[in-house]
Amino acid sequence: MMQSFWPIYKREIFVFFVTPLAWVLAAVFMIVQGMHFVVIVQYFLGIHDAGADQTPVQAFFGSTVLLYLIMFLLVPAMTMRLLAEERRTGTLETLLTAPTSYSAVVLAKYASVLTTYVAMWIPTVLYMVILGRNIDIDWQVVGAAYLGIACVGAGYLAVGVLMSAITDSQFVALVLTALVMVGLFVLGVGEFTAREGSWVQAFCSHVSVWAHMSHFASGIVDLRAIVFYASLVVTSLFASVRVLEAQRWGG
């Protein structure tokens, strides 16, 4: 499988970065994250005499809606074409005439988009360097926060691959991915509205990206969150392979 994985992986990376969409997404991402960083710095400069109950790192990674907004915009747009476009143009069947498999195709496409997602976040390390030159920051906390970003992104991107597998329309794939992400986010908000101590609150807390990122941004590496996103990745990718196989044999 690995022999067919690498050519598809490299092809997807190349195709993504030669399209205008990739550069538009990267530009929007950096602009929004830059604004996000500036707003947080200005906020903490304004309250430096009064103190704060969180650090700039916690605020950047876990306490503002802008972090989740950019994910809701970025992930669906990155994943919508992966399999939907292959099905629409009929190139998926052509691709599979080579010595490859659905598993290799799905894993290669997922790995390519995950690599791109991580690459987009790498420049934001500069923000942490700027902070570190002016205030004392805990780099272990920063590392935990980026681990959280990677876990959340990995889970959402896998969902996007699945949504792209079940339709041949990029727009439908984009909408379905966004709806699932918003649904998970809203479900997580139930942590704050459900009766304290109830199983509903416990379940909502388990799937709450807000709670997960708050923990990661505080330097708390919650294994339950890692297991949740790993399960989301495995389930979504497995379902993607099965959907493609079913579509092939079902016509």
C-alpha atoms as a PDB file:
ATOM      1  CA  MET A   1       0.000   0.000   0.000  1.00  0.00           C
ATOM      2  CA  MET A   2       2.877   2.377   0.795  1.00  0.00           C
ATOM      3  CA  GLN A   3       4.144   2.211  -2.795  1.00  0.00           C
ATOM      4  CA  SER A   4       0.854   3.665  -4.026  1.00  0.00           C
ATOM      5  CA  PHE A   5       0.452   5.965  -1.011  1.00  0.00           C
ATOM      6  CA  TRP A   6       3.394   8.272  -1.740  1.00  0.00           C
ATOM      7  CA  PRO A   7       2.602   9.119  -5.373  1.00  0.00           C
ATOM      8  CA  ILE A   8      -0.988  10.018  -4.455  1.00  0.00           C
ATOM      9  CA  TYR A   9       0.169  11.979  -1.413  1.00  0.00           C
ATOM     10  CA  LYS A  10       2.677  14.030  -3.422  1.00  0.00           C
ATOM     11  CA  ARG A  11       0.145  14.575  -6.188  1.00  0.00           C
ATOM     12  CA  GLU A  12      -2.427  15.928  -3.735  1.00  0.00           C
ATOM     13  CA  ILE A  13       0.074  18.305  -2.142  1.00  0.00           C
ATOM     14  CA  PHE A  14       1.059  19.595  -5.578  1.00  0.00           C
ATOM     15  CA  VAL A  15      -2.532  19.939  -6.826  1.00  0.00           C
ATOM     16  CA  PHE A  16      -3.579  21.818  -3.702  1.00  0.00           C
ATOM     17  CA  PHE A  17      -0.819  24.402  -3.883  1.00  0.00           C
ATOM     18  CA  VAL A  18      -1.154  25.103  -7.602  1.00  0.00           C
ATOM     19  CA  THR A  19      -4.792  26.124  -7.170  1.00  0.00           C
ATOM     20  CA  PRO A  20      -5.793  29.694  -6.229  1.00  0.00           C
ATOM     21  CA  LEU A  21      -7.984  28.311  -3.430  1.00  0.00           C
ATOM     22  CA  ALA A  22      -4.943  27.168  -1.451  1.00  0.00           C
ATOM     23  CA  TRP A  23      -3.369  30.606  -1.442  1.00  0.00           C
ATOM     24  CA  VAL A  24      -6.679  32.297  -0.662  1.00  0.00           C
ATOM     25  CA  LEU A  25      -7.194  29.969   2.312  1.00  0.00           C
ATOM     26  CA  ALA A  26      -3.621  30.511   3.513  1.00  0.00           C
ATOM     27  CA  ALA A  27      -3.983  34.287   3.206  1.00  0.00           C
ATOM     28  CA  VAL A  28      -7.327  34.368   5.015  1.00  0.00           C
ATOM     29  CA  PHE A  29      -5.933  32.102   7.728  1.00  0.00           C
ATOM     30  CA  MET A  30      -2.893  34.284   8.352  1.00  0.00           C
ATOM     31  CA  ILE A  31      -4.920  37.515   8.265  1.00  0.00           C
ATOM     32  CA  VAL A  32      -7.500  36.222  10.735  1.00  0.00           C
ATOM     33  CA  GLN A  33      -4.851  34.745  13.018  1.00  0.00           C
ATOM     34  CA  GLY A  34      -2.851  37.969  12.848  1.00  0.00           C
ATOM     35  CA  MET A  35      -5.927  39.987  13.827  1.00  0.00           C
ATOM     36  CA  HIS A  36      -6.637  37.442  16.543  1.00  0.00           C
ATOM     37  CA  PHE A  37      -3.135  37.845  17.964  1.00  0.00           C
ATOM     38  CA  VAL A  38      -3.254  41.655  17.830  1.00  0.00           C
ATOM     39  CA  VAL A  39      -6.628  41.765  19.613  1.00  0.00           C
ATOM     40  CA  ILE A  40      -5.339  39.514  22.382  1.00  0.00           C
ATOM     41  CA  VAL A  41      -2.122  41.515  22.836  1.00  0.00           C
ATOM     42  CA  GLN A  42      -4.054  44.786  22.993  1.00  0.00           C
ATOM     43  CA  TYR A  43      -6.466  43.286  25.498  1.00  0.00           C
ATOM     44  CA  PHE A  44      -3.695  42.151  27.832  1.00  0.00           C
ATOM     45  CA  LEU A  45      -1.852  45.445  27.481  1.00  0.00           C
ATOM     46  CA  GLY A  46      -5.027  47.174  28.610  1.00  0.00           C
ATOM     47  CA  ILE A  47      -5.425  45.066  31.745  1.00  0.00           C
ATOM     48  CA  HIS A  48      -1.776  44.635  32.726  1.00  0.00           C
ATOM     49  CA  ASP A  49      -2.283  46.632  35.917  1.00  0.00           C
ATOM     50  CA  ALA A  50      -5.446  44.832  36.921  1.00  0.00           C
ATOM     51  CA  GLY A  51      -4.202  41.300  36.397  1.00  0.00           C
ATOM     52  CA  ALA A  52      -5.930  38.506  34.539  1.00  0.00           C
ATOM     53  CA  ASP A  53      -7.153  35.013  35.251  1.00  0.00           C
ATOM     54  CA  GLN A  54      -5.586  33.627  32.062  1.00  0.00           C
ATOM     55  CA  THR A  55      -2.448  34.055  30.000  1.00  0.00           C
ATOM     56  CA  PRO A  56      -2.172  35.312  26.401  1.00  0.00           C
ATOM     57  CA  VAL A  57      -1.374  31.745  25.311  1.00  0.00           C
ATOM     58  CA  GLN A  58      -4.592  30.479  26.889  1.00  0.00           C
ATOM     59  CA  ALA A  59      -6.542  33.300  25.286  1.00  0.00           C
ATOM     60  CA  PHE A  60      -5.051  32.693  21.831  1.00  0.00           C
ATOM     61  CA  PHE A  61      -5.678  28.951  21.806  1.00  0.00           C
ATOM     62  CA  GLY A  62      -8.714  28.380  23.939  1.00  0.00           C
ATOM     63  CA  SER A  63     -10.815  31.356  24.887  1.00  0.00           C
ATOM     64  CA  THR A  64     -11.942  33.206  21.757  1.00  0.00           C
ATOM     65  CA  VAL A  65     -14.463  32.370  19.064  1.00  0.00           C
ATOM     66  CA  LEU A  66     -12.006  33.438  16.328  1.00  0.00           C
ATOM     67  CA  LEU A  67     -10.032  30.220  16.775  1.00  0.00           C
ATOM     68  CA  TYR A  68     -13.086  28.079  16.051  1.00  0.00           C
ATOM     69  CA  LEU A  69     -14.392  30.393  13.340  1.00  0.00           C
ATOM     70  CA  ILE A  70     -11.230  29.993  11.278  1.00  0.00           C
ATOM     71  CA  MET A  71     -11.438  26.204  11.680  1.00  0.00           C
ATOM     72  CA  PHE A  72     -15.058  26.208  10.515  1.00  0.00           C
ATOM     73  CA  LEU A  73     -13.991  28.159   7.419  1.00  0.00           C
ATOM     74  CA  LEU A  74     -10.712  26.388   6.737  1.00  0.00           C
ATOM     75  CA  VAL A  75     -11.417  22.676   7.167  1.00  0.00           C
ATOM     76  CA  PRO A  76     -14.515  22.321   4.925  1.00  0.00           C
ATOM     77  CA  ALA A  77     -12.833  24.279   2.132  1.00  0.00           C
ATOM     78  CA  MET A  78      -9.685  22.146   2.370  1.00  0.00           C
ATOM     79  CA  THR A  79     -11.471  18.789   2.255  1.00  0.00           C
ATOM     80  CA  MET A  80     -14.443  19.406  -0.038  1.00  0.00           C
ATOM     81  CA  ARG A  81     -12.698  18.442  -3.287  1.00  0.00           C
ATOM     82  CA  LEU A  82     -10.635  15.470  -2.079  1.00  0.00           C
ATOM     83  CA  LEU A  83     -12.971  12.657  -3.129  1.00  0.00           C
ATOM     84  CA  ALA A  84     -16.038  14.508  -4.396  1.00  0.00           C
ATOM     85  CA  GLU A  85     -14.132  15.944  -7.348  1.00  0.00           C
ATOM     86  CA  GLU A  86     -12.562  12.561  -8.149  1.00  0.00           C
ATOM     87  CA  ARG A  87     -16.016  11.003  -8.264  1.00  0.00           C
ATOM     88  CA  ARG A  88     -17.543  13.822 -10.304  1.00  0.00           C
ATOM     89  CA  THR A  89     -14.879  13.679 -12.989  1.00  0.00           C
ATOM     90  CA  GLY A  90     -14.601   9.890 -12.958  1.00  0.00           C
ATOM     91  CA  THR A  91     -10.883   9.975 -12.188  1.00  0.00           C
ATOM     92  CA  LEU A  92     -11.334   7.871  -9.050  1.00  0.00           C
ATOM     93  CA  GLU A  93     -12.032   4.777 -11.148  1.00  0.00           C
ATOM     94  CA  THR A  94      -9.055   5.590 -13.367  1.00  0.00           C
ATOM     95  CA  LEU A  95      -6.850   6.003 -10.302  1.00  0.00           C
ATOM     96  CA  LEU A  96      -7.893   2.587  -9.044  1.00  0.00           C
ATOM     97  CA  THR A  97      -6.907   0.861 -12.269  1.00  0.00           C
ATOM     98  CA  ALA A  98      -3.338   1.285 -11.026  1.00  0.00           C
ATOM     99  CA  PRO A  99      -2.041  -1.131  -8.370  1.00  0.00           C
ATOM    100  CA  THR A 100      -3.594   0.768  -5.483  1.00  0.00           C
ATOM    101  CA  SER A 101      -6.580   0.495  -3.155  1.00  0.00           C
ATOM    102  CA  TYR A 102      -9.322   2.605  -1.646  1.00  0.00           C
ATOM    103  CA  SER A 103      -7.451   2.571   1.652  1.00  0.00           C
ATOM    104  CA  ALA A 104      -4.306   3.985   0.044  1.00  0.00           C
ATOM    105  CA  VAL A 105      -6.317   6.673  -1.767  1.00  0.00           C
ATOM    106  CA  VAL A 106      -8.178   7.754   1.368  1.00  0.00           C
ATOM    107  CA  LEU A 107      -5.093   7.722   3.609  1.00  0.00           C
ATOM    108  CA  ALA A 108      -2.962   9.599   1.073  1.00  0.00           C
ATOM    109  CA  LYS A 109      -5.564  12.295   0.566  1.00  0.00           C
ATOM    110  CA  TYR A 110      -6.110  12.632   4.300  1.00  0.00           C
ATOM    111  CA  ALA A 111      -2.369  12.787   5.014  1.00  0.00           C
ATOM    112  CA  SER A 112      -1.901  15.480   2.371  1.00  0.00           C
ATOM    113  CA  VAL A 113      -4.603  17.729   3.774  1.00  0.00           C
ATOM    114  CA  LEU A 114      -3.397  17.141   7.351  1.00  0.00           C
ATOM    115  CA  THR A 115       0.136  18.093   6.301  1.00  0.00           C
ATOM    116  CA  THR A 116      -1.194  21.269   4.708  1.00  0.00           C
ATOM    117  CA  TYR A 117      -3.204  22.103   7.833  1.00  0.00           C
ATOM    118  CA  VAL A 118      -0.141  21.706  10.074  1.00  0.00           C
ATOM    119  CA  ALA A 119       1.972  23.761   7.654  1.00  0.00           C
ATOM    120  CA  MET A 120      -0.523  26.631   7.880  1.00  0.00           C
ATOM    121  CA  TRP A 121      -0.163  26.701  11.656  1.00  0.00           C
ATOM    122  CA  ILE A 122       3.649  26.680  11.693  1.00  0.00           C
ATOM    123  CA  PRO A 123       4.036  30.456  11.006  1.00  0.00           C
ATOM    124  CA  THR A 124       1.931  31.204  14.102  1.00  0.00           C
ATOM    125  CA  VAL A 125       4.848  29.960  16.215  1.00  0.00           C
ATOM    126  CA  LEU A 126       6.322  33.396  15.464  1.00  0.00           C
ATOM    127  CA  TYR A 127       3.533  34.906  17.573  1.00  0.00           C
ATOM    128  CA  MET A 128       4.647  32.797  20.522  1.00  0.00           C
ATOM    129  CA  VAL A 129       8.271  33.854  19.937  1.00  0.00           C
ATOM    130  CA  ILE A 130       7.164  37.510  19.999  1.00  0.00           C
ATOM    131  CA  LEU A 131       5.303  36.904  23.244  1.00  0.00           C
ATOM    132  CA  GLY A 132       8.307  35.104  24.702  1.00  0.00           C
ATOM    133  CA  ARG A 133      10.519  38.123  24.037  1.00  0.00           C
ATOM    134  CA  ASN A 134       8.229  40.355  26.105  1.00  0.00           C
ATOM    135  CA  ILE A 135       6.748  38.137  28.795  1.00  0.00           C
ATOM    136  CA  ASP A 136       7.584  34.838  30.425  1.00  0.00           C
ATOM    137  CA  ILE A 137       5.697  31.999  28.761  1.00  0.00           C
ATOM    138  CA  ASP A 138       5.766  28.301  29.468  1.00  0.00           C
ATOM    139  CA  TRP A 139       6.860  26.539  26.286  1.00  0.00           C
ATOM    140  CA  GLN A 140       5.477  23.255  27.548  1.00  0.00           C
ATOM    141  CA  VAL A 141       2.062  24.905  27.655  1.00  0.00           C
ATOM    142  CA  VAL A 142       2.607  26.203  24.121  1.00  0.00           C
ATOM    143  CA  GLY A 143       3.520  22.689  23.004  1.00  0.00           C
ATOM    144  CA  ALA A 144       0.382  21.264  24.612  1.00  0.00           C
ATOM    145  CA  ALA A 145      -1.721  23.950  22.902  1.00  0.00           C
ATOM    146  CA  TYR A 146      -0.312  23.070  19.480  1.00  0.00           C
ATOM    147  CA  LEU A 147      -0.912  19.389  20.224  1.00  0.00           C
ATOM    148  CA  GLY A 148      -4.535  20.289  20.858  1.00  0.00           C
ATOM    149  CA  ILE A 149      -4.707  22.224  17.589  1.00  0.00           C
ATOM    150  CA  ALA A 150      -3.297  19.196  15.757  1.00  0.00           C
ATOM    151  CA  CYS A 151      -5.756  16.792  17.409  1.00  0.00           C
ATOM    152  CA  VAL A 152      -8.815  18.945  16.709  1.00  0.00           C
ATOM    153  CA  GLY A 153      -7.720  19.562  13.135  1.00  0.00           C
ATOM    154  CA  ALA A 154      -7.013  15.873  12.547  1.00  0.00           C
ATOM    155  CA  GLY A 155     -10.493  14.934  13.730  1.00  0.00           C
ATOM    156  CA  TYR A 156     -12.320  17.598  11.737  1.00  0.00           C
ATOM    157  CA  LEU A 157     -10.310  16.912   8.573  1.00  0.00           C
ATOM    158  CA  ALA A 158     -11.187  13.219   8.786  1.00  0.00           C
ATOM    159  CA  VAL A 159     -14.859  14.162   8.997  1.00  0.00           C
ATOM    160  CA  GLY A 160     -14.335  16.340   5.923  1.00  0.00           C
ATOM    161  CA  VAL A 161     -12.850  13.408   4.015  1.00  0.00           C
ATOM    162  CA  LEU A 162     -15.908  11.324   4.876  1.00  0.00           C
ATOM    163  CA  MET A 163     -18.303  14.037   3.766  1.00  0.00           C
ATOM    164  CA  SER A 164     -16.383  14.366   0.500  1.00  0.00           C
ATOM    165  CA  ALA A 165     -16.653  10.608  -0.002  1.00  0.00           C
ATOM    166  CA  ILE A 166     -20.435  10.467   0.195  1.00  0.00           C
ATOM    167  CA  THR A 167     -21.135  13.053  -2.522  1.00  0.00           C
ATOM    168  CA  ASP A 168     -19.806  14.127  -5.897  1.00  0.00           C
ATOM    169  CA  SER A 169     -20.568  17.798  -5.189  1.00  0.00           C
ATOM    170  CA  GLN A 170     -17.856  19.920  -3.603  1.00  0.00           C
ATOM    171  CA  PHE A 171     -20.427  22.396  -2.320  1.00  0.00           C
ATOM    172  CA  VAL A 172     -22.494  19.668  -0.653  1.00  0.00           C
ATOM    173  CA  ALA A 173     -19.332  18.227   0.907  1.00  0.00           C
ATOM    174  CA  LEU A 174     -18.400  21.683   2.220  1.00  0.00           C
ATOM    175  CA  VAL A 175     -21.857  22.246   3.720  1.00  0.00           C
ATOM    176  CA  LEU A 176     -22.036  18.784   5.302  1.00  0.00           C
ATOM    177  CA  THR A 177     -18.592  19.146   6.865  1.00  0.00           C
ATOM    178  CA  ALA A 178     -19.459  22.586   8.248  1.00  0.00           C
ATOM    179  CA  LEU A 179     -22.750  21.278   9.656  1.00  0.00           C
ATOM    180  CA  VAL A 180     -21.046  18.381  11.443  1.00  0.00           C
ATOM    181  CA  MET A 181     -18.404  20.700  12.892  1.00  0.00           C
ATOM    182  CA  VAL A 182     -20.977  23.239  14.046  1.00  0.00           C
ATOM    183  CA  GLY A 183     -23.086  20.398  15.434  1.00  0.00           C
ATOM    184  CA  LEU A 184     -20.176  19.089  17.510  1.00  0.00           C
ATOM    185  CA  PHE A 185     -19.426  22.621  18.702  1.00  0.00           C
ATOM    186  CA  VAL A 186     -23.044  23.276  19.713  1.00  0.00           C
ATOM    187  CA  LEU A 187     -23.244  19.889  21.395  1.00  0.00           C
ATOM    188  CA  GLY A 188     -20.155  20.793  23.396  1.00  0.00           C
ATOM    189  CA  VAL A 189     -21.788  24.018  24.565  1.00  0.00           C
ATOM    190  CA  GLY A 190     -24.274  21.777  26.364  1.00  0.00           C
ATOM    191  CA  GLU A 191     -21.535  21.321  28.952  1.00  0.00           C
ATOM    192  CA  PHE A 192     -22.414  24.782  30.271  1.00  0.00           C
ATOM    193  CA  THR A 193     -26.205  24.440  30.009  1.00  0.00           C
ATOM    194  CA  ALA A 194     -26.877  20.850  31.122  1.00  0.00           C
ATOM    195  CA  ARG A 195     -27.570  20.003  34.745  1.00  0.00           C
ATOM    196  CA  GLU A 196     -24.303  19.853  36.655  1.00  0.00           C
ATOM    197  CA  GLY A 197     -23.180  16.313  37.356  1.00  0.00           C
ATOM    198  CA  SER A 198     -25.604  14.745  34.882  1.00  0.00           C
ATOM    199  CA  TRP A 199     -24.592  12.252  32.198  1.00  0.00           C
ATOM    200  CA  VAL A 200     -25.646  14.809  29.597  1.00  0.00           C
ATOM    201  CA  GLN A 201     -23.104  17.296  30.910  1.00  0.00           C
ATOM    202  CA  ALA A 202     -20.439  14.583  31.027  1.00  0.00           C
ATOM    203  CA  PHE A 203     -21.137  13.595  27.416  1.00  0.00           C
ATOM    204  CA  CYS A 204     -21.143  17.182  26.194  1.00  0.00           C
ATOM    205  CA  SER A 205     -17.874  17.831  27.998  1.00  0.00           C
ATOM    206  CA  HIS A 206     -16.376  14.753  26.344  1.00  0.00           C
ATOM    207  CA  VAL A 207     -17.066  16.093  22.833  1.00  0.00           C
ATOM    208  CA  SER A 208     -16.603  19.807  23.604  1.00  0.00           C
ATOM    209  CA  VAL A 209     -13.825  21.323  21.503  1.00  0.00           C
ATOM    210  CA  TRP A 210     -14.023  24.402  23.709  1.00  0.00           C
ATOM    211  CA  ALA A 211     -13.292  22.331  26.821  1.00  0.00           C
ATOM    212  CA  HIS A 212     -10.588  20.348  25.049  1.00  0.00           C
ATOM    213  CA  MET A 213      -8.735  23.438  23.835  1.00  0.00           C
ATOM    214  CA  SER A 214      -9.103  25.152  27.212  1.00  0.00           C
ATOM    215  CA  HIS A 215      -7.330  22.189  28.793  1.00  0.00           C
ATOM    216  CA  PHE A 216      -4.611  21.968  26.149  1.00  0.00           C
ATOM    217  CA  ALA A 217      -4.039  25.735  26.286  1.00  0.00           C
ATOM    218  CA  SER A 218      -3.562  25.434  30.046  1.00  0.00           C
ATOM    219  CA  GLY A 219      -0.883  22.788  29.564  1.00  0.00           C
ATOM    220  CA  ILE A 220      -3.187  19.903  30.471  1.00  0.00           C
ATOM    221  CA  VAL A 221      -2.830  17.018  28.022  1.00  0.00           C
ATOM    222  CA  ASP A 222      -6.112  15.162  28.465  1.00  0.00           C
ATOM    223  CA  LEU A 223      -5.772  11.616  27.139  1.00  0.00           C
ATOM    224  CA  ARG A 224      -9.558  11.377  26.857  1.00  0.00           C
ATOM    225  CA  ALA A 225      -9.547  14.199  24.313  1.00  0.00           C
ATOM    226  CA  ILE A 226      -6.725  12.556  22.355  1.00  0.00           C
ATOM    227  CA  VAL A 227      -8.625   9.264  22.328  1.00  0.00           C
ATOM    228  CA  PHE A 228     -11.788  11.059  21.193  1.00  0.00           C
ATOM    229  CA  TYR A 229     -10.106  12.693  18.198  1.00  0.00           C
ATOM    230  CA  ALA A 230      -8.158   9.542  17.351  1.00  0.00           C
ATOM    231  CA  SER A 231     -11.451   7.634  17.368  1.00  0.00           C
ATOM    232  CA  LEU A 232     -13.027  10.312  15.174  1.00  0.00           C
ATOM    233  CA  VAL A 233     -10.155   9.982  12.686  1.00  0.00           C
ATOM    234  CA  VAL A 234     -10.210   6.179  12.554  1.00  0.00           C
ATOM    235  CA  THR A 235     -14.006   5.966  12.336  1.00  0.00           C
ATOM    236  CA  SER A 236     -14.291   8.638   9.641  1.00  0.00           C
ATOM    237  CA  LEU A 237     -11.506   7.237   7.465  1.00  0.00           C
ATOM    238  CA  PHE A 238     -12.764   3.668   7.831  1.00  0.00           C
ATOM    239  CA  ALA A 239     -16.252   4.818   6.863  1.00  0.00           C
ATOM    240  CA  SER A 240     -14.803   6.719   3.882  1.00  0.00           C
ATOM    241  CA  VAL A 241     -13.179   3.547   2.542  1.00  0.00           C
ATOM    242  CA  ARG A 242     -16.366   1.558   3.028  1.00  0.00           C
ATOM    243  CA  VAL A 243     -18.471   4.244   1.333  1.00  0.00           C
ATOM    244  CA  LEU A 244     -16.239   4.220  -1.745  1.00  0.00           C
ATOM    245  CA  GLU A 245     -16.258   0.440  -1.891  1.00  0.00           C
ATOM    246  CA  ALA A 246     -20.045   0.347  -1.564  1.00  0.00           C
ATOM    247  CA  GLN A 247     -20.440   2.944  -4.302  1.00  0.00           C
ATOM    248  CA  ARG A 248     -18.192   0.953  -6.608  1.00  0.00           C
ATOM    249  CA  TRP A 249     -20.042  -2.312  -6.202  1.00  0.00           C
ATOM    250  CA  GLY A 250     -23.411  -0.626  -6.025  1.00  0.00           C
ATOM    251  CA  GLY A 251     -22.781   1.287  -9.236  1.00  0.00           C
END
